[in-house]
Amino acid sequence: MILKDVSSAELEIMKIIWSAGKPVIITDIWHETQGHDWTYQTVQTFVNRLNEKGYIKIVGKQVRSYLYVPALTRAEYIVQSRCQLLDGSEGASLSDLVTLMHKRGLCDDAQLAKLQETIEAIRG
């Protein structure tokens, strides 16, 4: 499934929807964006775009507002949007990514151990 890219603003909206852990209405989302100077209508536009792109879906209605949930998990989004860059060519493999993350301090030994456990579990 290839989804259209999301803007950084739309990704902020997605983070709010993911963290809610339950269906949300636009008002709920708008209240969580108070660090931005976004109007209600701006948030509504972002939500409509995310719905059109297939990142969120409507699961019901509350009074005059639709209830939205993510159509994919955060992990699914990361795989969908980022792994197309990891095509296995020189400098673009999963191992290159993990190595660089470790060198830059973005992945510590405990996380590497957890990754090793995951790999072993996958291999059975």
PDB file of N, CA and C in Angstrom:
ATOM      1  N   MET A   1       0.842  -1.166   0.000  1.00  0.00           N
ATOM      2  CA  MET A   1       0.000   0.000   0.000  1.00  0.00           C
ATOM      3  C   MET A   1       0.894   1.239   0.000  1.00  0.00           C
ATOM      4  N   ILE A   2       0.806   2.042  -1.028  1.00  0.00           N
ATOM      5  CA  ILE A   2       1.575   3.272  -1.124  1.00  0.00           C
ATOM      6  C   ILE A   2       0.650   4.430  -0.772  1.00  0.00           C
ATOM      7  N   LEU A   3       1.021   5.141   0.259  1.00  0.00           N
ATOM      8  CA  LEU A   3       0.256   6.304   0.681  1.00  0.00           C
ATOM      9  C   LEU A   3       1.006   7.564   0.283  1.00  0.00           C
ATOM     10  N   LYS A   4       0.263   8.633   0.054  1.00  0.00           N
ATOM     11  CA  LYS A   4       0.897   9.918  -0.251  1.00  0.00           C
ATOM     12  C   LYS A   4       1.641  10.419   0.977  1.00  0.00           C
ATOM     13  N   ASP A   5       2.701  11.180   0.747  1.00  0.00           N
ATOM     14  CA  ASP A   5       3.470  11.752   1.846  1.00  0.00           C
ATOM     15  C   ASP A   5       2.614  12.703   2.669  1.00  0.00           C
ATOM     16  N   VAL A   6       2.990  12.851   3.927  1.00  0.00           N
ATOM     17  CA  VAL A   6       2.324  13.830   4.786  1.00  0.00           C
ATOM     18  C   VAL A   6       3.274  14.990   5.037  1.00  0.00           C
ATOM     19  N   SER A   7       2.712  16.163   5.214  1.00  0.00           N
ATOM     20  CA  SER A   7       3.513  17.337   5.544  1.00  0.00           C
ATOM     21  C   SER A   7       3.905  17.264   7.020  1.00  0.00           C
ATOM     22  N   SER A   8       4.832  18.112   7.427  1.00  0.00           N
ATOM     23  CA  SER A   8       5.234  18.119   8.836  1.00  0.00           C
ATOM     24  C   SER A   8       4.061  18.518   9.733  1.00  0.00           C
ATOM     25  N   ALA A   9       3.207  19.412   9.265  1.00  0.00           N
ATOM     26  CA  ALA A   9       2.030  19.810  10.048  1.00  0.00           C
ATOM     27  C   ALA A   9       1.051  18.639  10.165  1.00  0.00           C
ATOM     28  N   GLU A  10       0.838  17.928   9.071  1.00  0.00           N
ATOM     29  CA  GLU A  10      -0.045  16.769   9.111  1.00  0.00           C
ATOM     30  C   GLU A  10       0.517  15.691  10.040  1.00  0.00           C
ATOM     31  N   LEU A  11       1.834  15.546  10.064  1.00  0.00           N
ATOM     32  CA  LEU A  11       2.455  14.579  10.962  1.00  0.00           C
ATOM     33  C   LEU A  11       2.223  14.965  12.423  1.00  0.00           C
ATOM     34  N   GLU A  12       2.224  16.265  12.719  1.00  0.00           N
ATOM     35  CA  GLU A  12       1.905  16.711  14.081  1.00  0.00           C
ATOM     36  C   GLU A  12       0.489  16.285  14.471  1.00  0.00           C
ATOM     37  N   ILE A  13      -0.429  16.397  13.533  1.00  0.00           N
ATOM     38  CA  ILE A  13      -1.809  15.979  13.774  1.00  0.00           C
ATOM     39  C   ILE A  13      -1.862  14.468  13.988  1.00  0.00           C
ATOM     40  N   MET A  14      -1.119  13.711  13.175  1.00  0.00           N
ATOM     41  CA  MET A  14      -1.080  12.256  13.331  1.00  0.00           C
ATOM     42  C   MET A  14      -0.567  11.866  14.708  1.00  0.00           C
ATOM     43  N   LYS A  15       0.460  12.551  15.193  1.00  0.00           N
ATOM     44  CA  LYS A  15       1.010  12.244  16.515  1.00  0.00           C
ATOM     45  C   LYS A  15      -0.046  12.429  17.604  1.00  0.00           C
ATOM     46  N   ILE A  16      -0.863  13.451  17.465  1.00  0.00           N
ATOM     47  CA  ILE A  16      -1.936  13.698  18.432  1.00  0.00           C
ATOM     48  C   ILE A  16      -2.958  12.567  18.367  1.00  0.00           C
ATOM     49  N   ILE A  17      -3.315  12.162  17.167  1.00  0.00           N
ATOM     50  CA  ILE A  17      -4.312  11.097  17.003  1.00  0.00           C
ATOM     51  C   ILE A  17      -3.760   9.771  17.531  1.00  0.00           C
ATOM     52  N   TRP A  18      -2.498   9.463  17.218  1.00  0.00           N
ATOM     53  CA  TRP A  18      -1.892   8.233  17.743  1.00  0.00           C
ATOM     54  C   TRP A  18      -1.867   8.235  19.267  1.00  0.00           C
ATOM     55  N   SER A  19      -1.471   9.361  19.850  1.00  0.00           N
ATOM     56  CA  SER A  19      -1.315   9.400  21.311  1.00  0.00           C
ATOM     57  C   SER A  19      -2.660   9.365  22.032  1.00  0.00           C
ATOM     58  N   ALA A  20      -3.727   9.741  21.364  1.00  0.00           N
ATOM     59  CA  ALA A  20      -5.045   9.738  22.006  1.00  0.00           C
ATOM     60  C   ALA A  20      -5.460   8.323  22.415  1.00  0.00           C
ATOM     61  N   GLY A  21      -5.158   7.358  21.564  1.00  0.00           N
ATOM     62  CA  GLY A  21      -5.501   5.979  21.884  1.00  0.00           C
ATOM     63  C   GLY A  21      -6.987   5.673  21.852  1.00  0.00           C
ATOM     64  N   LYS A  22      -7.773   6.574  21.303  1.00  0.00           N
ATOM     65  CA  LYS A  22      -9.223   6.407  21.199  1.00  0.00           C
ATOM     66  C   LYS A  22      -9.708   7.301  20.064  1.00  0.00           C
ATOM     67  N   PRO A  23     -10.925   7.092  19.585  1.00  0.00           N
ATOM     68  CA  PRO A  23     -11.454   7.987  18.549  1.00  0.00           C
ATOM     69  C   PRO A  23     -11.509   9.426  19.047  1.00  0.00           C
ATOM     70  N   VAL A  24     -11.148  10.359  18.168  1.00  0.00           N
ATOM     71  CA  VAL A  24     -11.132  11.781  18.526  1.00  0.00           C
ATOM     72  C   VAL A  24     -11.925  12.593  17.510  1.00  0.00           C
ATOM     73  N   ILE A  25     -12.403  13.744  17.978  1.00  0.00           N
ATOM     74  CA  ILE A  25     -13.055  14.696  17.084  1.00  0.00           C
ATOM     75  C   ILE A  25     -12.068  15.836  16.828  1.00  0.00           C
ATOM     76  N   ILE A  26     -12.362  16.655  15.847  1.00  0.00           N
ATOM     77  CA  ILE A  26     -11.449  17.739  15.484  1.00  0.00           C
ATOM     78  C   ILE A  26     -11.207  18.685  16.662  1.00  0.00           C
ATOM     79  N   THR A  27     -12.218  18.926  17.466  1.00  0.00           N
ATOM     80  CA  THR A  27     -12.042  19.806  18.629  1.00  0.00           C
ATOM     81  C   THR A  27     -10.984  19.262  19.580  1.00  0.00           C
ATOM     82  N   ASP A  28     -10.997  17.944  19.804  1.00  0.00           N
ATOM     83  CA  ASP A  28      -9.976  17.317  20.659  1.00  0.00           C
ATOM     84  C   ASP A  28      -8.584  17.580  20.106  1.00  0.00           C
ATOM     85  N   ILE A  29      -8.437  17.400  18.808  1.00  0.00           N
ATOM     86  CA  ILE A  29      -7.144  17.591  18.149  1.00  0.00           C
ATOM     87  C   ILE A  29      -6.725  19.052  18.256  1.00  0.00           C
ATOM     88  N   TRP A  30      -7.653  19.952  17.969  1.00  0.00           N
ATOM     89  CA  TRP A  30      -7.356  21.381  17.994  1.00  0.00           C
ATOM     90  C   TRP A  30      -6.867  21.818  19.376  1.00  0.00           C
ATOM     91  N   HIS A  31      -7.489  21.306  20.432  1.00  0.00           N
ATOM     92  CA  HIS A  31      -7.068  21.664  21.794  1.00  0.00           C
ATOM     93  C   HIS A  31      -5.638  21.210  22.078  1.00  0.00           C
ATOM     94  N   GLU A  32      -5.208  20.142  21.455  1.00  0.00           N
ATOM     95  CA  GLU A  32      -3.843  19.635  21.657  1.00  0.00           C
ATOM     96  C   GLU A  32      -2.802  20.398  20.836  1.00  0.00           C
ATOM     97  N   THR A  33      -3.238  21.268  19.942  1.00  0.00           N
ATOM     98  CA  THR A  33      -2.309  22.011  19.077  1.00  0.00           C
ATOM     99  C   THR A  33      -2.078  23.434  19.566  1.00  0.00           C
ATOM    100  N   GLN A  34      -2.351  23.686  20.816  1.00  0.00           N
ATOM    101  CA  GLN A  34      -2.277  25.060  21.319  1.00  0.00           C
ATOM    102  C   GLN A  34      -0.885  25.673  21.227  1.00  0.00           C
ATOM    103  N   GLY A  35       0.165  24.869  21.046  1.00  0.00           N
ATOM    104  CA  GLY A  35       1.505  25.420  20.858  1.00  0.00           C
ATOM    105  C   GLY A  35       1.683  26.038  19.483  1.00  0.00           C
ATOM    106  N   HIS A  36       0.751  25.760  18.591  1.00  0.00           N
ATOM    107  CA  HIS A  36       0.777  26.308  17.237  1.00  0.00           C
ATOM    108  C   HIS A  36      -0.259  27.427  17.150  1.00  0.00           C
ATOM    109  N   ASP A  37      -0.111  28.241  16.162  1.00  0.00           N
ATOM    110  CA  ASP A  37      -1.102  29.303  15.940  1.00  0.00           C
ATOM    111  C   ASP A  37      -2.121  28.858  14.895  1.00  0.00           C
ATOM    112  N   TRP A  38      -2.569  27.616  14.992  1.00  0.00           N
ATOM    113  CA  TRP A  38      -3.513  27.079  14.029  1.00  0.00           C
ATOM    114  C   TRP A  38      -4.943  27.355  14.474  1.00  0.00           C
ATOM    115  N   THR A  39      -5.745  27.802  13.531  1.00  0.00           N
ATOM    116  CA  THR A  39      -7.161  27.977  13.814  1.00  0.00           C
ATOM    117  C   THR A  39      -7.847  26.616  13.749  1.00  0.00           C
ATOM    118  N   TYR A  40      -9.074  26.580  14.218  1.00  0.00           N
ATOM    119  CA  TYR A  40      -9.872  25.356  14.135  1.00  0.00           C
ATOM    120  C   TYR A  40      -9.978  24.907  12.676  1.00  0.00           C
ATOM    121  N   GLN A  41     -10.190  25.879  11.776  1.00  0.00           N
ATOM    122  CA  GLN A  41     -10.343  25.559  10.357  1.00  0.00           C
ATOM    123  C   GLN A  41      -9.053  24.970   9.769  1.00  0.00           C
ATOM    124  N   THR A  42      -7.908  25.451  10.230  1.00  0.00           N
ATOM    125  CA  THR A  42      -6.630  24.916   9.763  1.00  0.00           C
ATOM    126  C   THR A  42      -6.492  23.458  10.174  1.00  0.00           C
ATOM    127  N   VAL A  43      -6.815  23.171  11.430  1.00  0.00           N
ATOM    128  CA  VAL A  43      -6.748  21.789  11.914  1.00  0.00           C
ATOM    129  C   VAL A  43      -7.730  20.923  11.135  1.00  0.00           C
ATOM    130  N   GLN A  44      -8.897  21.450  10.869  1.00  0.00           N
ATOM    131  CA  GLN A  44      -9.908  20.723  10.098  1.00  0.00           C
ATOM    132  C   GLN A  44      -9.374  20.394   8.699  1.00  0.00           C
ATOM    133  N   THR A  45      -8.673  21.329   8.088  1.00  0.00           N
ATOM    134  CA  THR A  45      -8.081  21.096   6.769  1.00  0.00           C
ATOM    135  C   THR A  45      -7.047  19.973   6.827  1.00  0.00           C
ATOM    136  N   PHE A  46      -6.170  19.997   7.845  1.00  0.00           N
ATOM    137  CA  PHE A  46      -5.174  18.933   7.998  1.00  0.00           C
ATOM    138  C   PHE A  46      -5.850  17.576   8.180  1.00  0.00           C
ATOM    139  N   VAL A  47      -6.884  17.528   9.005  1.00  0.00           N
ATOM    140  CA  VAL A  47      -7.599  16.271   9.252  1.00  0.00           C
ATOM    141  C   VAL A  47      -8.253  15.779   7.965  1.00  0.00           C
ATOM    142  N   ASN A  48      -8.866  16.672   7.217  1.00  0.00           N
ATOM    143  CA  ASN A  48      -9.494  16.280   5.948  1.00  0.00           C
ATOM    144  C   ASN A  48      -8.459  15.730   4.973  1.00  0.00           C
ATOM    145  N   ARG A  49      -7.292  16.354   4.904  1.00  0.00           N
ATOM    146  CA  ARG A  49      -6.233  15.864   4.019  1.00  0.00           C
ATOM    147  C   ARG A  49      -5.764  14.476   4.440  1.00  0.00           C
ATOM    148  N   LEU A  50      -5.576  14.292   5.751  1.00  0.00           N
ATOM    149  CA  LEU A  50      -5.134  12.986   6.244  1.00  0.00           C
ATOM    150  C   LEU A  50      -6.174  11.908   5.949  1.00  0.00           C
ATOM    151  N   ASN A  51      -7.438  12.260   6.049  1.00  0.00           N
ATOM    152  CA  ASN A  51      -8.505  11.321   5.723  1.00  0.00           C
ATOM    153  C   ASN A  51      -8.488  10.983   4.232  1.00  0.00           C
ATOM    154  N   GLU A  52      -8.352  11.988   3.384  1.00  0.00           N
ATOM    155  CA  GLU A  52      -8.299  11.774   1.941  1.00  0.00           C
ATOM    156  C   GLU A  52      -7.096  10.925   1.529  1.00  0.00           C
ATOM    157  N   LYS A  53      -5.973  11.109   2.232  1.00  0.00           N
ATOM    158  CA  LYS A  53      -4.753  10.369   1.927  1.00  0.00           C
ATOM    159  C   LYS A  53      -4.770   8.942   2.487  1.00  0.00           C
ATOM    160  N   GLY A  54      -5.729   8.641   3.343  1.00  0.00           N
ATOM    161  CA  GLY A  54      -5.859   7.299   3.884  1.00  0.00           C
ATOM    162  C   GLY A  54      -5.110   7.042   5.176  1.00  0.00           C
ATOM    163  N   TYR A  55      -4.630   8.085   5.836  1.00  0.00           N
ATOM    164  CA  TYR A  55      -3.902   7.914   7.089  1.00  0.00           C
ATOM    165  C   TYR A  55      -4.813   7.797   8.299  1.00  0.00           C
ATOM    166  N   ILE A  56      -6.001   8.383   8.214  1.00  0.00           N
ATOM    167  CA  ILE A  56      -6.993   8.267   9.274  1.00  0.00           C
ATOM    168  C   ILE A  56      -8.312   7.871   8.638  1.00  0.00           C
ATOM    169  N   LYS A  57      -9.236   7.413   9.486  1.00  0.00           N
ATOM    170  CA  LYS A  57     -10.552   7.047   8.968  1.00  0.00           C
ATOM    171  C   LYS A  57     -11.629   7.461   9.950  1.00  0.00           C
ATOM    172  N   ILE A  58     -12.805   7.637   9.425  1.00  0.00           N
ATOM    173  CA  ILE A  58     -13.969   8.006  10.226  1.00  0.00           C
ATOM    174  C   ILE A  58     -14.597   6.720  10.753  1.00  0.00           C
ATOM    175  N   VAL A  59     -14.857   6.675  12.068  1.00  0.00           N
ATOM    176  CA  VAL A  59     -15.449   5.477  12.662  1.00  0.00           C
ATOM    177  C   VAL A  59     -16.799   5.741  13.322  1.00  0.00           C
ATOM    178  N   GLY A  60     -17.278   6.953  13.201  1.00  0.00           N
ATOM    179  CA  GLY A  60     -18.570   7.278  13.796  1.00  0.00           C
ATOM    180  C   GLY A  60     -18.793   8.770  13.816  1.00  0.00           C
ATOM    181  N   LYS A  61     -19.846   9.145  14.503  1.00  0.00           N
ATOM    182  CA  LYS A  61     -20.188  10.556  14.596  1.00  0.00           C
ATOM    183  C   LYS A  61     -20.626  10.861  16.019  1.00  0.00           C
ATOM    184  N   GLN A  62     -20.186  12.017  16.508  1.00  0.00           N
ATOM    185  CA  GLN A  62     -20.561  12.485  17.844  1.00  0.00           C
ATOM    186  C   GLN A  62     -21.190  13.851  17.671  1.00  0.00           C
ATOM    187  N   VAL A  63     -22.465  13.960  17.897  1.00  0.00           N
ATOM    188  CA  VAL A  63     -23.244  15.172  17.645  1.00  0.00           C
ATOM    189  C   VAL A  63     -23.036  15.580  16.181  1.00  0.00           C
ATOM    190  N   ARG A  64     -22.306  16.678  15.926  1.00  0.00           N
ATOM    191  CA  ARG A  64     -22.075  17.107  14.542  1.00  0.00           C
ATOM    192  C   ARG A  64     -20.620  16.943  14.126  1.00  0.00           C
ATOM    193  N   SER A  65     -19.872  16.115  14.834  1.00  0.00           N
ATOM    194  CA  SER A  65     -18.456  15.910  14.531  1.00  0.00           C
ATOM    195  C   SER A  65     -18.177  14.444  14.236  1.00  0.00           C
ATOM    196  N   TYR A  66     -17.312  14.215  13.288  1.00  0.00           N
ATOM    197  CA  TYR A  66     -16.897  12.850  12.993  1.00  0.00           C
ATOM    198  C   TYR A  66     -15.860  12.402  14.014  1.00  0.00           C
ATOM    199  N   LEU A  67     -15.842  11.114  14.280  1.00  0.00           N
ATOM    200  CA  LEU A  67     -14.831  10.492  15.139  1.00  0.00           C
ATOM    201  C   LEU A  67     -13.757   9.891  14.242  1.00  0.00           C
ATOM    202  N   TYR A  68     -12.509  10.220  14.513  1.00  0.00           N
ATOM    203  CA  TYR A  68     -11.386   9.770  13.696  1.00  0.00           C
ATOM    204  C   TYR A  68     -10.463   8.850  14.485  1.00  0.00           C
ATOM    205  N   VAL A  69      -9.921   7.860  13.795  1.00  0.00           N
ATOM    206  CA  VAL A  69      -8.878   6.986  14.344  1.00  0.00           C
ATOM    207  C   VAL A  69      -7.800   6.835  13.282  1.00  0.00           C
ATOM    208  N   PRO A  70      -6.592   6.468  13.697  1.00  0.00           N
ATOM    209  CA  PRO A  70      -5.544   6.235  12.705  1.00  0.00           C
ATOM    210  C   PRO A  70      -5.891   5.005  11.869  1.00  0.00           C
ATOM    211  N   ALA A  71      -5.560   5.057  10.599  1.00  0.00           N
ATOM    212  CA  ALA A  71      -5.761   3.905   9.719  1.00  0.00           C
ATOM    213  C   ALA A  71      -4.545   2.985   9.744  1.00  0.00           C
ATOM    214  N   LEU A  72      -3.460   3.453  10.337  1.00  0.00           N
ATOM    215  CA  LEU A  72      -2.263   2.646  10.490  1.00  0.00           C
ATOM    216  C   LEU A  72      -1.548   3.072  11.764  1.00  0.00           C
ATOM    217  N   THR A  73      -0.786   2.149  12.324  1.00  0.00           N
ATOM    218  CA  THR A  73      -0.047   2.461  13.540  1.00  0.00           C
ATOM    219  C   THR A  73       1.141   3.345  13.205  1.00  0.00           C
ATOM    220  N   ARG A  74       1.742   3.881  14.246  1.00  0.00           N
ATOM    221  CA  ARG A  74       2.931   4.708  14.039  1.00  0.00           C
ATOM    222  C   ARG A  74       4.053   3.885  13.398  1.00  0.00           C
ATOM    223  N   ALA A  75       4.219   2.644  13.852  1.00  0.00           N
ATOM    224  CA  ALA A  75       5.246   1.761  13.278  1.00  0.00           C
ATOM    225  C   ALA A  75       4.960   1.484  11.804  1.00  0.00           C
ATOM    226  N   GLU A  76       3.695   1.261  11.470  1.00  0.00           N
ATOM    227  CA  GLU A  76       3.332   1.027  10.062  1.00  0.00           C
ATOM    228  C   GLU A  76       3.625   2.265   9.218  1.00  0.00           C
ATOM    229  N   TYR A  77       3.362   3.447   9.798  1.00  0.00           N
ATOM    230  CA  TYR A  77       3.671   4.690   9.088  1.00  0.00           C
ATOM    231  C   TYR A  77       5.165   4.801   8.814  1.00  0.00           C
ATOM    232  N   ILE A  78       5.975   4.510   9.824  1.00  0.00           N
ATOM    233  CA  ILE A  78       7.426   4.604   9.651  1.00  0.00           C
ATOM    234  C   ILE A  78       7.899   3.649   8.560  1.00  0.00           C
ATOM    235  N   VAL A  79       7.424   2.418   8.614  1.00  0.00           N
ATOM    236  CA  VAL A  79       7.806   1.443   7.588  1.00  0.00           C
ATOM    237  C   VAL A  79       7.359   1.927   6.212  1.00  0.00           C
ATOM    238  N   GLN A  80       6.110   2.368   6.134  1.00  0.00           N
ATOM    239  CA  GLN A  80       5.554   2.812   4.849  1.00  0.00           C
ATOM    240  C   GLN A  80       6.302   4.008   4.275  1.00  0.00           C
ATOM    241  N   SER A  81       6.590   4.987   5.119  1.00  0.00           N
ATOM    242  CA  SER A  81       7.131   6.243   4.616  1.00  0.00           C
ATOM    243  C   SER A  81       8.650   6.284   4.531  1.00  0.00           C
ATOM    244  N   ARG A  82       9.325   5.480   5.323  1.00  0.00           N
ATOM    245  CA  ARG A  82      10.780   5.602   5.382  1.00  0.00           C
ATOM    246  C   ARG A  82      11.550   4.444   4.758  1.00  0.00           C
ATOM    247  N   CYS A  83      10.984   3.263   4.812  1.00  0.00           N
ATOM    248  CA  CYS A  83      11.742   2.092   4.360  1.00  0.00           C
ATOM    249  C   CYS A  83      11.940   2.038   2.856  1.00  0.00           C
ATOM    250  N   GLN A  84      11.202   2.822   2.113  1.00  0.00           N
ATOM    251  CA  GLN A  84      11.439   2.865   0.671  1.00  0.00           C
ATOM    252  C   GLN A  84      12.821   3.430   0.365  1.00  0.00           C
ATOM    253  N   LEU A  85      13.386   4.175   1.321  1.00  0.00           N
ATOM    254  CA  LEU A  85      14.736   4.709   1.157  1.00  0.00           C
ATOM    255  C   LEU A  85      15.799   3.641   1.403  1.00  0.00           C
ATOM    256  N   LEU A  86      15.434   2.598   2.149  1.00  0.00           N
ATOM    257  CA  LEU A  86      16.375   1.533   2.468  1.00  0.00           C
ATOM    258  C   LEU A  86      16.263   0.437   1.405  1.00  0.00           C
ATOM    259  N   ASP A  87      16.866   0.702   0.260  1.00  0.00           N
ATOM    260  CA  ASP A  87      16.730  -0.236  -0.853  1.00  0.00           C
ATOM    261  C   ASP A  87      17.846  -1.275  -0.921  1.00  0.00           C
ATOM    262  N   GLY A  88      18.735  -1.280   0.066  1.00  0.00           N
ATOM    263  CA  GLY A  88      19.801  -2.275   0.108  1.00  0.00           C
ATOM    264  C   GLY A  88      21.053  -1.899  -0.651  1.00  0.00           C
ATOM    265  N   SER A  89      21.024  -0.793  -1.355  1.00  0.00           N
ATOM    266  CA  SER A  89      22.219  -0.374  -2.088  1.00  0.00           C
ATOM    267  C   SER A  89      23.245   0.196  -1.110  1.00  0.00           C
ATOM    268  N   GLU A  90      24.447   0.479  -1.588  1.00  0.00           N
ATOM    269  CA  GLU A  90      25.534   0.992  -0.746  1.00  0.00           C
ATOM    270  C   GLU A  90      25.073   2.200   0.059  1.00  0.00           C
ATOM    271  N   GLY A  91      25.164   2.100   1.376  1.00  0.00           N
ATOM    272  CA  GLY A  91      24.781   3.198   2.255  1.00  0.00           C
ATOM    273  C   GLY A  91      23.286   3.318   2.481  1.00  0.00           C
ATOM    274  N   ALA A  92      22.500   2.409   1.947  1.00  0.00           N
ATOM    275  CA  ALA A  92      21.042   2.499   2.078  1.00  0.00           C
ATOM    276  C   ALA A  92      20.449   1.159   2.515  1.00  0.00           C
ATOM    277  N   SER A  93      21.085   0.530   3.491  1.00  0.00           N
ATOM    278  CA  SER A  93      20.566  -0.730   4.005  1.00  0.00           C
ATOM    279  C   SER A  93      20.136  -0.550   5.455  1.00  0.00           C
ATOM    280  N   LEU A  94      19.425  -1.511   5.951  1.00  0.00           N
ATOM    281  CA  LEU A  94      18.989  -1.462   7.337  1.00  0.00           C
ATOM    282  C   LEU A  94      20.192  -1.490   8.279  1.00  0.00           C
ATOM    283  N   SER A  95      21.189  -2.299   7.949  1.00  0.00           N
ATOM    284  CA  SER A  95      22.372  -2.354   8.808  1.00  0.00           C
ATOM    285  C   SER A  95      23.134  -1.026   8.789  1.00  0.00           C
ATOM    286  N   ASP A  96      23.187  -0.345   7.640  1.00  0.00           N
ATOM    287  CA  ASP A  96      23.811   0.982   7.572  1.00  0.00           C
ATOM    288  C   ASP A  96      23.069   1.957   8.486  1.00  0.00           C
ATOM    289  N   LEU A  97      21.754   1.887   8.482  1.00  0.00           N
ATOM    290  CA  LEU A  97      20.938   2.774   9.314  1.00  0.00           C
ATOM    291  C   LEU A  97      21.212   2.535  10.798  1.00  0.00           C
ATOM    292  N   VAL A  98      21.206   1.268  11.214  1.00  0.00           N
ATOM    293  CA  VAL A  98      21.431   0.943  12.624  1.00  0.00           C
ATOM    294  C   VAL A  98      22.835   1.362  13.049  1.00  0.00           C
ATOM    295  N   THR A  99      23.825   1.097  12.199  1.00  0.00           N
ATOM    296  CA  THR A  99      25.204   1.483  12.506  1.00  0.00           C
ATOM    297  C   THR A  99      25.317   2.983  12.707  1.00  0.00           C
ATOM    298  N   LEU A 100      24.752   3.766  11.817  1.00  0.00           N
ATOM    299  CA  LEU A 100      24.821   5.219  11.924  1.00  0.00           C
ATOM    300  C   LEU A 100      24.068   5.729  13.151  1.00  0.00           C
ATOM    301  N   MET A 101      22.921   5.127  13.428  1.00  0.00           N
ATOM    302  CA  MET A 101      22.168   5.532  14.615  1.00  0.00           C
ATOM    303  C   MET A 101      22.994   5.277  15.875  1.00  0.00           C
ATOM    304  N   HIS A 102      23.694   4.168  15.919  1.00  0.00           N
ATOM    305  CA  HIS A 102      24.527   3.853  17.086  1.00  0.00           C
ATOM    306  C   HIS A 102      25.688   4.834  17.190  1.00  0.00           C
ATOM    307  N   LYS A 103      26.340   5.116  16.073  1.00  0.00           N
ATOM    308  CA  LYS A 103      27.462   6.063  16.079  1.00  0.00           C
ATOM    309  C   LYS A 103      27.038   7.442  16.549  1.00  0.00           C
ATOM    310  N   ARG A 104      25.827   7.847  16.223  1.00  0.00           N
ATOM    311  CA  ARG A 104      25.332   9.180  16.597  1.00  0.00           C
ATOM    312  C   ARG A 104      24.660   9.214  17.964  1.00  0.00           C
ATOM    313  N   GLY A 105      24.676   8.082  18.662  1.00  0.00           N
ATOM    314  CA  GLY A 105      24.092   8.031  19.993  1.00  0.00           C
ATOM    315  C   GLY A 105      22.578   7.949  20.007  1.00  0.00           C
ATOM    316  N   LEU A 106      21.985   7.596  18.891  1.00  0.00           N
ATOM    317  CA  LEU A 106      20.528   7.495  18.805  1.00  0.00           C
ATOM    318  C   LEU A 106      20.035   6.090  19.126  1.00  0.00           C
ATOM    319  N   CYS A 107      20.970   5.182  19.363  1.00  0.00           N
ATOM    320  CA  CYS A 107      20.636   3.790  19.632  1.00  0.00           C
ATOM    321  C   CYS A 107      21.705   3.257  20.587  1.00  0.00           C
ATOM    322  N   ASP A 108      21.312   2.939  21.814  1.00  0.00           N
ATOM    323  CA  ASP A 108      22.297   2.477  22.791  1.00  0.00           C
ATOM    324  C   ASP A 108      22.405   0.952  22.795  1.00  0.00           C
ATOM    325  N   ASP A 109      23.288   0.427  23.640  1.00  0.00           N
ATOM    326  CA  ASP A 109      23.526  -1.012  23.685  1.00  0.00           C
ATOM    327  C   ASP A 109      22.280  -1.795  24.099  1.00  0.00           C
ATOM    328  N   ALA A 110      21.480  -1.222  24.985  1.00  0.00           N
ATOM    329  CA  ALA A 110      20.245  -1.903  25.388  1.00  0.00           C
ATOM    330  C   ALA A 110      19.284  -2.034  24.212  1.00  0.00           C
ATOM    331  N   GLN A 111      19.205  -0.998  23.392  1.00  0.00           N
ATOM    332  CA  GLN A 111      18.332  -1.059  22.216  1.00  0.00           C
ATOM    333  C   GLN A 111      18.875  -2.047  21.186  1.00  0.00           C
ATOM    334  N   LEU A 112      20.201  -2.107  21.060  1.00  0.00           N
ATOM    335  CA  LEU A 112      20.800  -3.088  20.156  1.00  0.00           C
ATOM    336  C   LEU A 112      20.519  -4.514  20.639  1.00  0.00           C
ATOM    337  N   ALA A 113      20.579  -4.727  21.949  1.00  0.00           N
ATOM    338  CA  ALA A 113      20.277  -6.045  22.505  1.00  0.00           C
ATOM    339  C   ALA A 113      18.823  -6.416  22.228  1.00  0.00           C
ATOM    340  N   LYS A 114      17.916  -5.453  22.384  1.00  0.00           N
ATOM    341  CA  LYS A 114      16.495  -5.691  22.090  1.00  0.00           C
ATOM    342  C   LYS A 114      16.304  -6.003  20.611  1.00  0.00           C
ATOM    343  N   LEU A 115      17.036  -5.303  19.752  1.00  0.00           N
ATOM    344  CA  LEU A 115      16.973  -5.573  18.316  1.00  0.00           C
ATOM    345  C   LEU A 115      17.459  -6.984  18.022  1.00  0.00           C
ATOM    346  N   GLN A 116      18.531  -7.394  18.678  1.00  0.00           N
ATOM    347  CA  GLN A 116      19.049  -8.755  18.502  1.00  0.00           C
ATOM    348  C   GLN A 116      18.015  -9.792  18.920  1.00  0.00           C
ATOM    349  N   GLU A 117      17.342  -9.548  20.047  1.00  0.00           N
ATOM    350  CA  GLU A 117      16.282 -10.450  20.506  1.00  0.00           C
ATOM    351  C   GLU A 117      15.165 -10.541  19.472  1.00  0.00           C
ATOM    352  N   THR A 118      14.800  -9.413  18.910  1.00  0.00           N
ATOM    353  CA  THR A 118      13.741  -9.377  17.909  1.00  0.00           C
ATOM    354  C   THR A 118      14.147 -10.167  16.673  1.00  0.00           C
ATOM    355  N   ILE A 119      15.366  -9.985  16.233  1.00  0.00           N
ATOM    356  CA  ILE A 119      15.866 -10.714  15.056  1.00  0.00           C
ATOM    357  C   ILE A 119      15.848 -12.219  15.321  1.00  0.00           C
ATOM    358  N   GLU A 120      16.291 -12.608  16.501  1.00  0.00           N
ATOM    359  CA  GLU A 120      16.293 -14.037  16.839  1.00  0.00           C
ATOM    360  C   GLU A 120      14.883 -14.592  16.907  1.00  0.00           C
ATOM    361  N   ALA A 121      13.933 -13.822  17.426  1.00  0.00           N
ATOM    362  CA  ALA A 121      12.539 -14.264  17.493  1.00  0.00           C
ATOM    363  C   ALA A 121      11.937 -14.411  16.099  1.00  0.00           C
ATOM    364  N   ILE A 122      12.295 -13.514  15.211  1.00  0.00           N
ATOM    365  CA  ILE A 122      11.788 -13.583  13.836  1.00  0.00           C
ATOM    366  C   ILE A 122      12.326 -14.827  13.128  1.00  0.00           C
ATOM    367  N   ARG A 123      13.596 -15.104  13.337  1.00  0.00           N
ATOM    368  CA  ARG A 123      14.225 -16.263  12.709  1.00  0.00           C
ATOM    369  C   ARG A 123      13.739 -17.581  13.296  1.00  0.00           C
ATOM    370  N   GLY A 124      13.205 -17.507  14.512  1.00  0.00           N
ATOM    371  CA  GLY A 124      12.646 -18.689  15.156  1.00  0.00           C
ATOM    372  C   GLY A 124      13.707 -19.542  15.718  1.00  0.00           C
TER     373      GLY A 124
END
